[in-house]
Protein backbone atom coordinates (compact mmCIF):
# COMPACT_ATOMS: atom_id res chain seq x y z
CA MET A 1 129.03 90.75 119.25
CA SER A 2 126.55 91.15 116.49
CA GLN A 3 123.17 90.05 116.73
CA ALA A 4 122.54 86.20 114.49
CA PRO A 5 119.47 85.72 113.14
CA LEU A 6 117.75 83.22 116.50
CA LEU A 7 116.62 79.81 114.80
CA ILE A 8 113.75 80.80 116.96
CA ALA A 9 112.57 84.56 115.98
CA THR A 10 111.13 82.83 112.54
CA LEU A 11 108.43 81.81 114.96
CA PRO A 12 106.17 84.49 116.90
CA SER A 13 103.02 82.77 116.78
CA PRO A 14 103.38 78.84 116.96
CA ALA A 15 101.20 77.10 116.47
CA LEU A 16 99.79 74.65 119.62
CA ARG A 17 98.77 71.19 119.92
CA ASN A 18 97.15 69.52 122.79
CA SER A 19 99.58 67.79 125.07
CA GLY A 20 97.70 67.13 128.60
CA ALA A 21 95.63 69.69 130.88
CA ASP A 22 98.40 71.90 132.03
CA THR A 23 100.32 71.56 129.03
CA LEU A 24 100.23 73.58 125.23
CA SER A 25 103.31 71.77 122.76
CA LEU A 26 104.78 73.92 120.17
CA SER A 27 104.74 72.31 117.16
CA SER A 28 107.36 74.68 115.50
CA PRO A 29 110.07 72.53 114.47
CA LEU A 30 113.12 72.47 116.81
CA PRO A 31 116.71 73.40 116.03
CA GLU A 32 119.34 70.89 114.84
CA GLY A 33 121.34 68.92 117.05
CA GLY A 34 119.46 68.43 119.95
CA PHE A 35 120.11 70.19 122.83
CA ILE A 36 116.52 71.50 122.62
CA GLU A 37 114.65 68.59 123.25
CA GLN A 38 111.13 69.79 123.63
CA VAL A 39 109.19 73.30 123.81
CA SER A 40 105.58 74.11 125.24
CA LEU A 41 103.59 76.52 126.77
CA LEU A 42 102.69 76.13 130.69
CA PRO A 43 99.44 78.06 131.01
CA MET A 44 99.41 80.90 133.69
CA PRO A 45 96.05 82.27 134.19
CA GLU A 46 96.51 83.87 137.37
CA LEU A 47 98.87 86.47 135.93
CA ALA A 48 97.23 85.56 132.12
CA VAL A 49 99.99 85.11 130.64
CA ASN A 50 101.84 81.62 129.30
CA ALA A 51 105.57 79.95 130.25
CA VAL A 52 107.90 79.13 127.76
CA HIS A 53 108.94 75.30 129.18
CA CYS A 54 111.94 74.35 127.61
CA ARG A 55 113.02 70.99 128.58
CA PHE A 56 117.07 70.07 127.06
CA LYS A 57 119.85 67.99 127.07
CA GLN A 58 123.10 69.18 128.67
CA SER A 59 125.22 66.39 127.33
CA ARG A 60 124.33 68.17 124.14
CA TYR A 61 125.44 72.11 124.18
CA THR A 62 128.36 73.33 123.11
CA PRO A 63 129.91 76.47 122.90
CA ASP A 64 129.07 76.97 119.14
CA LEU A 65 125.79 76.91 120.10
CA LEU A 66 125.83 80.89 121.64
CA THR A 67 127.21 81.72 118.02
CA SER A 68 125.10 80.01 116.19
CA TRP A 69 122.05 81.11 118.01
CA GLY A 70 123.69 84.87 118.44
CA ILE A 71 123.67 84.87 122.51
CA ALA A 72 126.24 86.63 123.78
CA LEU A 73 127.27 84.39 126.75
CA PRO A 74 128.16 87.09 130.14
CA ALA A 75 131.82 87.44 131.06
CA SER A 76 130.48 86.33 134.44
CA LEU A 77 129.98 83.20 132.97
CA ALA A 78 132.93 82.53 130.81
CA ARG A 79 134.42 80.00 133.47
CA VAL A 80 131.59 78.57 134.37
CA SER A 81 130.41 74.30 133.89
CA ALA A 82 129.09 73.68 130.56
CA ALA A 83 126.24 72.44 133.08
CA ARG A 84 126.29 76.32 134.18
CA GLN A 85 126.42 77.85 130.47
CA ALA A 86 123.89 74.85 129.22
CA GLN A 87 121.44 76.01 131.30
CA PHE A 88 122.21 79.84 130.25
CA LEU A 89 121.29 79.18 127.24
CA ALA A 90 118.16 77.10 127.96
CA GLY A 91 116.89 79.95 129.49
CA ARG A 92 117.93 82.81 126.43
CA TYR A 93 116.48 80.38 124.19
CA ALA A 94 113.12 79.99 126.37
CA ALA A 95 113.13 83.91 126.50
CA CYS A 96 113.84 84.71 122.76
CA TYR A 97 110.83 81.50 122.06
CA ALA A 98 107.96 83.95 124.54
CA LEU A 99 109.58 87.44 123.13
CA GLY A 100 108.34 85.92 120.01
CA ILE A 101 104.72 85.78 120.74
CA GLU A 102 104.47 88.89 121.81
CA ASN A 103 106.22 89.85 118.56
CA VAL A 104 109.47 91.14 119.91
CA GLU A 105 111.76 89.44 117.01
CA ASN A 106 115.87 89.48 116.95
CA HIS A 107 116.33 89.90 120.92
CA SER A 108 118.29 88.06 123.39
CA PRO A 109 117.41 89.83 126.56
CA ALA A 110 121.22 90.85 128.35
CA ARG A 111 122.11 91.06 131.81
CA ARG A 112 123.40 94.09 134.16
CA ASP A 113 125.89 92.85 136.26
CA THR A 114 123.95 91.99 139.36
CA GLY A 115 122.06 89.48 136.89
CA GLU A 116 119.15 91.38 136.50
CA VAL A 117 117.97 90.71 132.74
CA ILE A 118 117.24 93.85 130.49
CA TRP A 119 113.82 93.30 129.16
CA PRO A 120 112.35 95.57 125.67
CA GLN A 121 110.99 98.57 126.85
CA GLY A 122 107.20 98.32 128.23
CA ILE A 123 107.97 94.18 128.28
CA THR A 124 108.75 92.50 131.94
CA GLY A 125 109.61 89.12 132.31
CA SER A 126 111.34 86.23 134.89
CA ILE A 127 113.73 83.39 133.92
CA SER A 128 114.64 80.09 135.58
CA HIS A 129 116.45 76.87 135.20
CA CYS A 130 117.19 73.87 136.57
CA ASP A 131 118.57 70.17 135.45
CA ASP A 132 117.07 70.07 132.03
CA SER A 133 113.98 72.46 131.92
CA ALA A 134 114.17 76.43 131.68
CA LEU A 135 111.50 78.83 131.68
CA CYS A 136 110.67 81.63 130.64
CA VAL A 137 106.87 84.30 130.97
CA VAL A 138 106.89 87.45 129.59
CA GLY A 139 104.06 90.47 129.84
CA ARG A 140 103.21 93.70 129.47
CA GLY A 141 102.63 95.45 133.36
CA GLY A 142 104.16 95.28 136.47
CA HIS A 143 107.14 93.13 137.51
CA LEU A 144 106.39 89.10 137.01
CA GLY A 145 109.13 86.51 139.18
CA ILE A 146 108.98 82.96 138.12
CA ASP A 147 110.83 80.11 140.22
CA ILE A 148 111.22 76.04 139.34
CA GLU A 149 113.63 74.06 141.82
CA PRO A 150 113.79 70.42 142.10
CA LEU A 151 112.73 69.03 145.32
CA VAL A 152 114.68 69.28 147.97
CA ALA A 153 117.14 66.23 148.85
CA SER A 154 116.36 64.85 152.07
CA ASP A 155 120.34 64.87 153.80
CA ALA A 156 119.80 69.35 153.07
CA ILE A 157 116.31 69.47 154.12
CA ASP A 158 117.50 70.65 158.38
CA GLU A 159 120.67 72.75 157.18
CA LEU A 160 118.25 74.89 155.23
CA TRP A 161 114.92 74.78 157.39
CA ARG A 162 116.04 77.12 159.68
CA LEU A 163 117.55 80.08 156.78
CA VAL A 164 114.53 79.31 154.24
CA GLY A 165 111.30 80.73 156.67
CA ASP A 166 110.79 80.62 160.44
CA ASP A 167 108.31 78.14 163.25
CA LYS A 168 105.13 80.38 162.23
CA GLU A 169 105.59 79.67 158.53
CA TRP A 170 106.44 75.78 158.75
CA GLN A 171 102.89 75.42 160.74
CA ARG A 172 100.87 76.94 158.33
CA LEU A 173 102.77 74.53 155.70
CA SER A 174 102.51 71.69 157.90
CA MET A 175 100.07 70.18 155.90
CA LEU A 176 102.97 69.13 153.13
CA PRO A 177 105.53 66.51 153.73
CA ARG A 178 108.82 68.48 154.99
CA ASP A 179 110.55 68.19 151.41
CA ARG A 180 107.96 69.81 149.86
CA ALA A 181 106.90 72.45 151.91
CA LEU A 182 110.82 73.69 151.83
CA THR A 183 110.93 73.30 148.05
CA LEU A 184 107.49 75.38 147.80
CA LEU A 185 108.36 78.50 150.39
CA PHE A 186 112.03 78.06 148.86
CA SER A 187 110.70 78.53 145.07
CA ALA A 188 107.98 81.21 146.07
CA LYS A 189 110.46 83.48 148.43
CA GLU A 190 112.86 83.02 145.32
CA SER A 191 109.90 84.49 142.53
CA LEU A 192 108.71 87.29 144.87
CA TYR A 193 111.80 88.32 145.30
CA LYS A 194 112.86 88.58 140.98
CA ALA A 195 110.04 90.34 140.92
CA LEU A 196 110.94 92.90 143.31
CA PHE A 197 114.02 93.36 142.57
CA PRO A 198 112.94 96.03 139.73
CA ARG A 199 111.98 98.37 142.16
CA LEU A 200 114.10 97.79 145.16
CA GLN A 201 117.64 96.96 143.35
CA ARG A 202 119.01 95.30 145.97
CA TYR A 203 118.36 91.36 146.75
CA ILE A 204 116.41 90.01 149.68
CA ASP A 205 117.36 87.76 152.40
CA PHE A 206 114.77 85.42 153.12
CA SER A 207 114.06 86.65 156.50
CA GLU A 208 112.97 89.83 154.79
CA VAL A 209 109.55 88.45 153.68
CA ARG A 210 106.48 85.91 155.70
CA VAL A 211 104.03 83.46 154.87
CA ILE A 212 100.82 84.83 156.14
CA ALA A 213 98.81 82.83 154.24
CA VAL A 214 98.43 79.89 152.12
CA ASP A 215 95.45 78.22 150.54
CA PRO A 216 96.03 74.77 149.09
CA GLU A 217 92.74 74.61 146.44
CA ARG A 218 94.22 77.68 144.97
CA ARG A 219 98.05 76.65 145.29
CA THR A 220 98.60 80.72 146.71
CA LEU A 221 100.84 81.79 149.10
CA GLN A 222 100.57 85.28 150.32
CA PHE A 223 103.83 87.14 151.77
CA LYS A 224 103.34 90.55 153.84
CA PRO A 225 107.01 92.21 154.66
CA ARG A 226 109.05 92.68 157.28
CA SER A 227 109.49 95.89 159.34
CA ALA A 228 112.84 96.79 157.01
CA LEU A 229 111.67 95.79 153.91
CA GLY A 230 108.16 96.72 154.29
CA LEU A 231 109.51 101.20 154.79
CA ALA A 232 110.57 101.03 151.84
CA LEU A 233 107.06 99.21 150.34
CA PRO A 234 103.25 100.89 150.16
CA ARG A 235 101.90 100.72 153.58
CA GLY A 236 100.04 96.87 154.09
CA CYS A 237 100.87 96.03 150.51
CA ILE A 238 100.86 91.86 150.65
CA PHE A 239 101.81 89.68 147.94
CA THR A 240 100.37 86.24 146.09
CA VAL A 241 103.06 84.40 145.05
CA TYR A 242 101.10 81.44 142.76
CA TRP A 243 102.59 77.42 143.33
CA GLN A 244 102.14 73.58 140.54
CA TRP A 245 104.32 71.07 141.05
CA LEU A 246 105.80 69.81 138.03
CA GLY A 247 106.61 66.31 138.83
CA GLU A 248 109.48 65.96 141.48
CA ARG A 249 109.36 69.81 140.13
CA CYS A 250 107.82 72.91 142.10
CA LEU A 251 107.23 75.84 140.04
CA SER A 252 106.42 79.55 141.39
CA TYR A 253 105.26 82.77 140.15
CA THR A 254 104.20 86.19 140.90
CA ARG A 255 103.38 89.55 139.85
CA CYS A 256 104.27 92.72 141.71
CA ASP A 257 102.56 95.96 140.16
């Protein structure tokens, strides 16, 4: 499929306006049709990058948007629900916007069969989406991982509790309510796995890394790989994942050099 110019490709240096303590709104015009409702920059000073945060309206999604924006839908998503396709499109919109800010224009990143995003040479990035939000962070150097998760429903906590963490991890997160602790640990491990995938070229189970320290004031979790995973990584490596809450959603992010 040929790449038509993206609507956002003409906005590599969007104007900013203050929209609160933690975000910067982009004052450039949004595309017509109402699918993308808001675009803002979410500062991540710990990584010296900004995430592009898109709010979108699933009911305004149509497959024609993919064509008009020059974004190819992977074959693996051809038969999924419209809601899932809408999330994919919003994520690619955020990615294209983020790349435009890095002066990489007219580029919609493709993905491999594994789901790994193929970024332009010299660029590293990560995409995440849930419900009506999509985020992308890009940078230069290291491998980035980002994840956003809605607060885990109360009726799903018991089922996920043992899958996501062990007793020592939950003890370290005991200062949080159970639903927030579970959502945070799930999200933090997801973002770490994304950052490690380019190096390991395989997906990682929740049990392959464990929390060894939690700092609620700095909003950081420190992870250490367990024995099998540790053999594929530098000896004694420790990974730091940062988090923040966006209402009832947990956003986590990290960089693995």
